[in-house]
Amino acid sequence: MKKYVATLLLIFAVVILFAQNKTDQTPGQKFTIVDKTPIKIQSLSAINSATLNLKQTFNCSLFEDLVIDGTVVIKKGTPVTATIDAIEPSKTNGRPAKLNILYSINAPDGSKIYCKSENVGYGSNFAKKSGNFFSTASYTTLGLGLAMGIIKGKDENGLSIFIFSAVIGGALGIAGLLTTPFRLIKGGEVKIGTGEIIETLVDRDAIIYMPIRS
């Protein structure tokens, strides 16, 4: 009889401990970080898109406390891992390099918050725009000169008008051709310096559980 009682007491104690353990593991206060929430990340490394590879990582940290409903859910300085997700090299006509970066932030409850940024280097398509402008101006001048020459006729100095427009149109065309070498110039690379602040956006909804303070 005593053996049965001792067994029952042991089972009862195990059940109580299990229930207590389950209670201790109950999630705390729930916070949702919604998609597209802006988060500032600080780079701890200097990077240049010209020397990067896909899936390459570099170190960052959270630039400021992440506050949700008045509660700090992730503290400033929390480590962040940045991963190169896409690279588009710089191209001629001043087209700049583009860099997509994904960021992983470790929350206190062990969950992760994912962010992303789309970074673009310095670029200028001045040569392309100016070349198009001069070409259009040249064709327009030649066309108008020819039309005016035909309308005016020889007796009204139509030939002189046409010759004048041909000279101006030709000069504009040459100016357009002179911009051609500038089209070979590539745009700038994406460069992020040590300590630079990167504006990111949360990539998807994330849920964090914080301990309930008594």
C-alpha atoms as a PDB file:
ATOM      1  CA  MET A   1       0.000   0.000   0.000  1.00  0.00           C
ATOM      2  CA  LYS A   2       2.759   2.419   0.958  1.00  0.00           C
ATOM      3  CA  LYS A   3       4.486   1.639  -2.329  1.00  0.00           C
ATOM      4  CA  TYR A   4       1.341   2.636  -4.280  1.00  0.00           C
ATOM      5  CA  VAL A   5       0.985   5.834  -2.273  1.00  0.00           C
ATOM      6  CA  ALA A   6       4.623   6.747  -2.890  1.00  0.00           C
ATOM      7  CA  THR A   7       4.181   6.105  -6.609  1.00  0.00           C
ATOM      8  CA  LEU A   8       1.091   8.305  -6.766  1.00  0.00           C
ATOM      9  CA  LEU A   9       2.863  11.091  -4.881  1.00  0.00           C
ATOM     10  CA  LEU A  10       5.784  10.855  -7.291  1.00  0.00           C
ATOM     11  CA  ILE A  11       3.458  11.053 -10.301  1.00  0.00           C
ATOM     12  CA  PHE A  12       1.648  14.005  -8.708  1.00  0.00           C
ATOM     13  CA  ALA A  13       4.956  15.812  -8.138  1.00  0.00           C
ATOM     14  CA  VAL A  14       6.040  15.257 -11.743  1.00  0.00           C
ATOM     15  CA  VAL A  15       2.717  16.642 -13.010  1.00  0.00           C
ATOM     16  CA  ILE A  16       3.073  19.732 -10.799  1.00  0.00           C
ATOM     17  CA  LEU A  17       6.644  20.353 -12.007  1.00  0.00           C
ATOM     18  CA  PHE A  18       5.620  19.885 -15.629  1.00  0.00           C
ATOM     19  CA  ALA A  19       2.735  22.323 -15.237  1.00  0.00           C
ATOM     20  CA  GLN A  20       5.019  24.833 -13.523  1.00  0.00           C
ATOM     21  CA  ASN A  21       7.574  24.507 -16.306  1.00  0.00           C
ATOM     22  CA  LYS A  22       4.896  25.066 -18.945  1.00  0.00           C
ATOM     23  CA  THR A  23       3.738  28.156 -17.088  1.00  0.00           C
ATOM     24  CA  ASP A  24       7.288  29.527 -17.015  1.00  0.00           C
ATOM     25  CA  GLN A  25       7.587  29.028 -20.771  1.00  0.00           C
ATOM     26  CA  THR A  26       4.402  30.918 -21.592  1.00  0.00           C
ATOM     27  CA  PRO A  27       5.277  33.758 -24.027  1.00  0.00           C
ATOM     28  CA  GLY A  28       5.323  37.267 -22.596  1.00  0.00           C
ATOM     29  CA  GLN A  29       3.929  40.449 -24.107  1.00  0.00           C
ATOM     30  CA  LYS A  30       3.564  40.245 -27.872  1.00  0.00           C
ATOM     31  CA  PHE A  31       4.894  42.977 -30.185  1.00  0.00           C
ATOM     32  CA  THR A  32       4.486  43.054 -33.963  1.00  0.00           C
ATOM     33  CA  ILE A  33       6.975  44.832 -36.196  1.00  0.00           C
ATOM     34  CA  VAL A  34       5.039  45.394 -39.378  1.00  0.00           C
ATOM     35  CA  ASP A  35       6.331  45.134 -42.911  1.00  0.00           C
ATOM     36  CA  LYS A  36       7.993  48.311 -44.269  1.00  0.00           C
ATOM     37  CA  THR A  37       8.820  49.671 -40.796  1.00  0.00           C
ATOM     38  CA  PRO A  38      11.908  51.931 -41.195  1.00  0.00           C
ATOM     39  CA  ILE A  39      14.951  50.857 -39.188  1.00  0.00           C
ATOM     40  CA  LYS A  40      18.334  52.580 -39.149  1.00  0.00           C
ATOM     41  CA  ILE A  41      21.365  50.306 -39.405  1.00  0.00           C
ATOM     42  CA  GLN A  42      24.966  51.394 -38.859  1.00  0.00           C
ATOM     43  CA  SER A  43      27.681  49.760 -40.922  1.00  0.00           C
ATOM     44  CA  LEU A  44      30.729  48.547 -38.999  1.00  0.00           C
ATOM     45  CA  SER A  45      32.683  47.931 -42.209  1.00  0.00           C
ATOM     46  CA  ALA A  46      33.548  49.866 -45.356  1.00  0.00           C
ATOM     47  CA  ILE A  47      32.254  48.259 -48.540  1.00  0.00           C
ATOM     48  CA  ASN A  48      32.478  48.956 -52.272  1.00  0.00           C
ATOM     49  CA  SER A  49      30.165  47.304 -54.797  1.00  0.00           C
ATOM     50  CA  ALA A  50      33.095  46.837 -57.190  1.00  0.00           C
ATOM     51  CA  THR A  51      34.723  44.304 -54.860  1.00  0.00           C
ATOM     52  CA  LEU A  52      31.672  42.527 -53.468  1.00  0.00           C
ATOM     53  CA  ASN A  53      30.258  39.103 -54.279  1.00  0.00           C
ATOM     54  CA  LEU A  54      26.749  37.706 -53.959  1.00  0.00           C
ATOM     55  CA  LYS A  55      25.937  36.339 -50.478  1.00  0.00           C
ATOM     56  CA  GLN A  56      28.980  38.068 -49.018  1.00  0.00           C
ATOM     57  CA  THR A  57      28.339  39.356 -45.490  1.00  0.00           C
ATOM     58  CA  PHE A  58      29.540  42.293 -43.414  1.00  0.00           C
ATOM     59  CA  ASN A  59      28.889  43.463 -39.867  1.00  0.00           C
ATOM     60  CA  CYS A  60      26.450  46.154 -38.804  1.00  0.00           C
ATOM     61  CA  SER A  61      24.591  47.178 -35.651  1.00  0.00           C
ATOM     62  CA  LEU A  62      21.257  48.729 -34.745  1.00  0.00           C
ATOM     63  CA  PHE A  63      21.770  52.500 -34.799  1.00  0.00           C
ATOM     64  CA  GLU A  64      19.002  53.354 -32.324  1.00  0.00           C
ATOM     65  CA  ASP A  65      16.576  51.596 -29.982  1.00  0.00           C
ATOM     66  CA  LEU A  66      13.670  49.912 -31.735  1.00  0.00           C
ATOM     67  CA  VAL A  67      10.603  51.132 -29.888  1.00  0.00           C
ATOM     68  CA  ILE A  68       7.131  49.605 -30.328  1.00  0.00           C
ATOM     69  CA  ASP A  69       4.172  51.113 -28.443  1.00  0.00           C
ATOM     70  CA  GLY A  70       6.529  52.908 -26.092  1.00  0.00           C
ATOM     71  CA  THR A  71       8.535  49.768 -25.261  1.00  0.00           C
ATOM     72  CA  VAL A  72      12.140  49.170 -26.287  1.00  0.00           C
ATOM     73  CA  VAL A  73      12.017  45.736 -27.904  1.00  0.00           C
ATOM     74  CA  ILE A  74      15.546  45.736 -29.344  1.00  0.00           C
ATOM     75  CA  LYS A  75      18.343  47.876 -27.950  1.00  0.00           C
ATOM     76  CA  LYS A  76      20.708  50.162 -29.825  1.00  0.00           C
ATOM     77  CA  GLY A  77      23.973  48.423 -30.692  1.00  0.00           C
ATOM     78  CA  THR A  78      22.402  44.996 -31.218  1.00  0.00           C
ATOM     79  CA  PRO A  79      24.521  43.066 -33.772  1.00  0.00           C
ATOM     80  CA  VAL A  80      23.170  42.915 -37.308  1.00  0.00           C
ATOM     81  CA  THR A  81      24.365  40.669 -40.126  1.00  0.00           C
ATOM     82  CA  ALA A  82      24.191  42.195 -43.610  1.00  0.00           C
ATOM     83  CA  THR A  83      24.168  39.959 -46.701  1.00  0.00           C
ATOM     84  CA  ILE A  84      24.635  41.048 -50.318  1.00  0.00           C
ATOM     85  CA  ASP A  85      21.468  39.908 -52.080  1.00  0.00           C
ATOM     86  CA  ALA A  86      21.888  41.428 -55.574  1.00  0.00           C
ATOM     87  CA  ILE A  87      24.557  43.380 -57.438  1.00  0.00           C
ATOM     88  CA  GLU A  88      24.142  45.365 -60.645  1.00  0.00           C
ATOM     89  CA  PRO A  89      27.513  46.716 -61.815  1.00  0.00           C
ATOM     90  CA  SER A  90      27.974  50.250 -63.075  1.00  0.00           C
ATOM     91  CA  LYS A  91      27.540  50.752 -66.832  1.00  0.00           C
ATOM     92  CA  THR A  92      28.354  53.237 -69.568  1.00  0.00           C
ATOM     93  CA  ASN A  93      26.293  56.390 -70.099  1.00  0.00           C
ATOM     94  CA  GLY A  94      26.862  57.185 -66.435  1.00  0.00           C
ATOM     95  CA  ARG A  95      24.574  54.416 -65.198  1.00  0.00           C
ATOM     96  CA  PRO A  96      25.455  53.735 -61.541  1.00  0.00           C
ATOM     97  CA  ALA A  97      25.910  50.457 -59.721  1.00  0.00           C
ATOM     98  CA  LYS A  98      23.012  49.096 -57.654  1.00  0.00           C
ATOM     99  CA  LEU A  99      23.204  46.986 -54.535  1.00  0.00           C
ATOM    100  CA  ASN A 100      20.444  45.169 -52.638  1.00  0.00           C
ATOM    101  CA  ILE A 101      21.297  44.237 -49.057  1.00  0.00           C
ATOM    102  CA  LEU A 102      19.408  42.036 -46.588  1.00  0.00           C
ATOM    103  CA  TYR A 103      19.822  42.499 -42.828  1.00  0.00           C
ATOM    104  CA  SER A 104      19.172  40.013 -40.023  1.00  0.00           C
ATOM    105  CA  ILE A 105      18.613  41.363 -36.479  1.00  0.00           C
ATOM    106  CA  ASN A 106      18.555  38.978 -33.518  1.00  0.00           C
ATOM    107  CA  ALA A 107      15.703  39.793 -31.116  1.00  0.00           C
ATOM    108  CA  PRO A 108      16.017  39.041 -27.355  1.00  0.00           C
ATOM    109  CA  ASP A 109      13.518  36.157 -27.600  1.00  0.00           C
ATOM    110  CA  GLY A 110      15.630  34.423 -30.254  1.00  0.00           C
ATOM    111  CA  SER A 111      13.497  35.447 -33.218  1.00  0.00           C
ATOM    112  CA  LYS A 112      14.864  37.402 -36.178  1.00  0.00           C
ATOM    113  CA  ILE A 113      13.819  40.617 -37.857  1.00  0.00           C
ATOM    114  CA  TYR A 114      14.694  40.911 -41.534  1.00  0.00           C
ATOM    115  CA  CYS A 115      15.266  44.256 -43.245  1.00  0.00           C
ATOM    116  CA  LYS A 116      16.446  45.307 -46.675  1.00  0.00           C
ATOM    117  CA  SER A 117      17.880  48.319 -48.462  1.00  0.00           C
ATOM    118  CA  GLU A 118      18.310  49.249 -52.116  1.00  0.00           C
ATOM    119  CA  ASN A 119      21.484  51.255 -52.604  1.00  0.00           C
ATOM    120  CA  VAL A 120      22.438  53.186 -55.748  1.00  0.00           C
ATOM    121  CA  GLY A 121      25.797  54.754 -56.578  1.00  0.00           C
ATOM    122  CA  TYR A 122      26.294  58.175 -58.103  1.00  0.00           C
ATOM    123  CA  GLY A 123      25.332  58.375 -61.746  1.00  0.00           C
ATOM    124  CA  SER A 124      24.824  60.920 -64.488  1.00  0.00           C
ATOM    125  CA  ASN A 125      23.398  60.421 -67.965  1.00  0.00           C
ATOM    126  CA  PHE A 126      24.364  63.952 -69.023  1.00  0.00           C
ATOM    127  CA  ALA A 127      26.158  62.681 -72.127  1.00  0.00           C
ATOM    128  CA  LYS A 128      23.131  60.725 -73.271  1.00  0.00           C
ATOM    129  CA  LYS A 129      20.728  63.601 -72.637  1.00  0.00           C
ATOM    130  CA  SER A 130      22.945  66.209 -74.256  1.00  0.00           C
ATOM    131  CA  GLY A 131      23.620  63.968 -77.253  1.00  0.00           C
ATOM    132  CA  ASN A 132      19.901  63.422 -77.761  1.00  0.00           C
ATOM    133  CA  PHE A 133      19.257  67.138 -77.415  1.00  0.00           C
ATOM    134  CA  PHE A 134      21.854  68.142 -80.018  1.00  0.00           C
ATOM    135  CA  SER A 135      20.699  65.433 -82.416  1.00  0.00           C
ATOM    136  CA  THR A 136      17.081  66.525 -82.148  1.00  0.00           C
ATOM    137  CA  ALA A 137      18.028  70.197 -82.522  1.00  0.00           C
ATOM    138  CA  SER A 138      20.151  69.394 -85.579  1.00  0.00           C
ATOM    139  CA  TYR A 139      17.411  67.441 -87.385  1.00  0.00           C
ATOM    140  CA  THR A 140      14.815  70.063 -86.483  1.00  0.00           C
ATOM    141  CA  THR A 141      16.962  72.926 -87.790  1.00  0.00           C
ATOM    142  CA  LEU A 142      17.705  71.122 -91.039  1.00  0.00           C
ATOM    143  CA  GLY A 143      14.037  70.241 -91.505  1.00  0.00           C
ATOM    144  CA  LEU A 144      12.827  73.777 -90.846  1.00  0.00           C
ATOM    145  CA  GLY A 145      15.518  75.250 -93.117  1.00  0.00           C
ATOM    146  CA  LEU A 146      14.548  72.952 -95.970  1.00  0.00           C
ATOM    147  CA  ALA A 147      10.858  73.748 -95.507  1.00  0.00           C
ATOM    148  CA  MET A 148      11.469  77.514 -95.380  1.00  0.00           C
ATOM    149  CA  GLY A 149      13.752  77.289 -98.422  1.00  0.00           C
ATOM    150  CA  ILE A 150      11.055  75.542-100.454  1.00  0.00           C
ATOM    151  CA  ILE A 151       8.356  77.977 -99.291  1.00  0.00           C
ATOM    152  CA  LYS A 152      10.407  81.107 -99.931  1.00  0.00           C
ATOM    153  CA  GLY A 153      11.925  79.972-103.213  1.00  0.00           C
ATOM    154  CA  LYS A 154      15.070  81.290-104.888  1.00  0.00           C
ATOM    155  CA  ASP A 155      13.644  84.779-105.447  1.00  0.00           C
ATOM    156  CA  GLU A 156      13.048  85.176-101.729  1.00  0.00           C
ATOM    157  CA  ASN A 157      16.509  84.035-100.685  1.00  0.00           C
ATOM    158  CA  GLY A 158      15.220  80.539 -99.943  1.00  0.00           C
ATOM    159  CA  LEU A 159      18.583  79.042-100.853  1.00  0.00           C
ATOM    160  CA  SER A 160      20.336  81.344 -98.379  1.00  0.00           C
ATOM    161  CA  ILE A 161      17.897  80.323 -95.650  1.00  0.00           C
ATOM    162  CA  PHE A 162      18.533  76.657 -96.378  1.00  0.00           C
ATOM    163  CA  ILE A 163      22.313  77.080 -96.396  1.00  0.00           C
ATOM    164  CA  PHE A 164      22.178  78.987 -93.102  1.00  0.00           C
ATOM    165  CA  SER A 165      20.022  76.297 -91.480  1.00  0.00           C
ATOM    166  CA  ALA A 166      22.302  73.575 -92.867  1.00  0.00           C
ATOM    167  CA  VAL A 167      25.321  75.241 -91.257  1.00  0.00           C
ATOM    168  CA  ILE A 168      23.563  75.642 -87.896  1.00  0.00           C
ATOM    169  CA  GLY A 169      22.100  72.140 -88.053  1.00  0.00           C
ATOM    170  CA  GLY A 170      25.466  70.680 -88.974  1.00  0.00           C
ATOM    171  CA  ALA A 171      27.133  72.473 -86.067  1.00  0.00           C
ATOM    172  CA  LEU A 172      24.536  71.101 -83.668  1.00  0.00           C
ATOM    173  CA  GLY A 173      25.050  67.618 -85.095  1.00  0.00           C
ATOM    174  CA  ILE A 174      28.820  67.865 -84.574  1.00  0.00           C
ATOM    175  CA  ALA A 175      28.230  69.040 -80.997  1.00  0.00           C
ATOM    176  CA  GLY A 176      26.108  65.939 -80.454  1.00  0.00           C
ATOM    177  CA  LEU A 177      28.867  63.707 -81.842  1.00  0.00           C
ATOM    178  CA  LEU A 178      31.395  65.327 -79.501  1.00  0.00           C
ATOM    179  CA  THR A 179      29.430  64.010 -76.522  1.00  0.00           C
ATOM    180  CA  THR A 180      29.930  60.409 -77.697  1.00  0.00           C
ATOM    181  CA  PRO A 181      33.181  59.798 -75.740  1.00  0.00           C
ATOM    182  CA  PHE A 182      31.410  60.832 -72.540  1.00  0.00           C
ATOM    183  CA  ARG A 183      28.924  58.022 -73.068  1.00  0.00           C
ATOM    184  CA  LEU A 184      31.718  55.552 -72.389  1.00  0.00           C
ATOM    185  CA  ILE A 185      32.107  56.863 -68.836  1.00  0.00           C
ATOM    186  CA  LYS A 186      30.606  54.514 -66.262  1.00  0.00           C
ATOM    187  CA  GLY A 187      28.473  55.530 -63.309  1.00  0.00           C
ATOM    188  CA  GLY A 188      29.696  55.404 -59.738  1.00  0.00           C
ATOM    189  CA  GLU A 189      29.966  52.404 -57.431  1.00  0.00           C
ATOM    190  CA  VAL A 190      27.946  51.933 -54.262  1.00  0.00           C
ATOM    191  CA  LYS A 191      30.218  52.845 -51.360  1.00  0.00           C
ATOM    192  CA  ILE A 192      29.273  52.556 -47.693  1.00  0.00           C
ATOM    193  CA  GLY A 193      31.791  53.776 -45.159  1.00  0.00           C
ATOM    194  CA  THR A 194      32.493  52.553 -41.639  1.00  0.00           C
ATOM    195  CA  GLY A 195      29.983  54.129 -39.283  1.00  0.00           C
ATOM    196  CA  GLU A 196      27.644  55.187 -42.091  1.00  0.00           C
ATOM    197  CA  ILE A 197      23.922  55.047 -41.366  1.00  0.00           C
ATOM    198  CA  ILE A 198      21.803  52.956 -43.756  1.00  0.00           C
ATOM    199  CA  GLU A 199      18.066  53.488 -44.075  1.00  0.00           C
ATOM    200  CA  THR A 200      16.374  50.078 -44.227  1.00  0.00           C
ATOM    201  CA  LEU A 201      12.807  48.747 -44.306  1.00  0.00           C
ATOM    202  CA  VAL A 202      11.476  45.655 -42.543  1.00  0.00           C
ATOM    203  CA  ASP A 203      11.094  42.933 -45.176  1.00  0.00           C
ATOM    204  CA  ARG A 204       8.156  41.090 -43.576  1.00  0.00           C
ATOM    205  CA  ASP A 205       6.030  41.175 -40.422  1.00  0.00           C
ATOM    206  CA  ALA A 206       7.911  39.985 -37.348  1.00  0.00           C
ATOM    207  CA  ILE A 207       6.634  39.060 -33.875  1.00  0.00           C
ATOM    208  CA  ILE A 208       8.657  39.530 -30.671  1.00  0.00           C
ATOM    209  CA  TYR A 209       7.725  38.326 -27.179  1.00  0.00           C
ATOM    210  CA  MET A 210       8.997  40.359 -24.249  1.00  0.00           C
ATOM    211  CA  PRO A 211       8.860  39.201 -20.598  1.00  0.00           C
ATOM    212  CA  ILE A 212       5.924  40.678 -18.725  1.00  0.00           C
ATOM    213  CA  ARG A 213       7.216  42.930 -15.984  1.00  0.00           C
ATOM    214  CA  SER A 214       5.484  42.567 -12.658  1.00  0.00           C
END
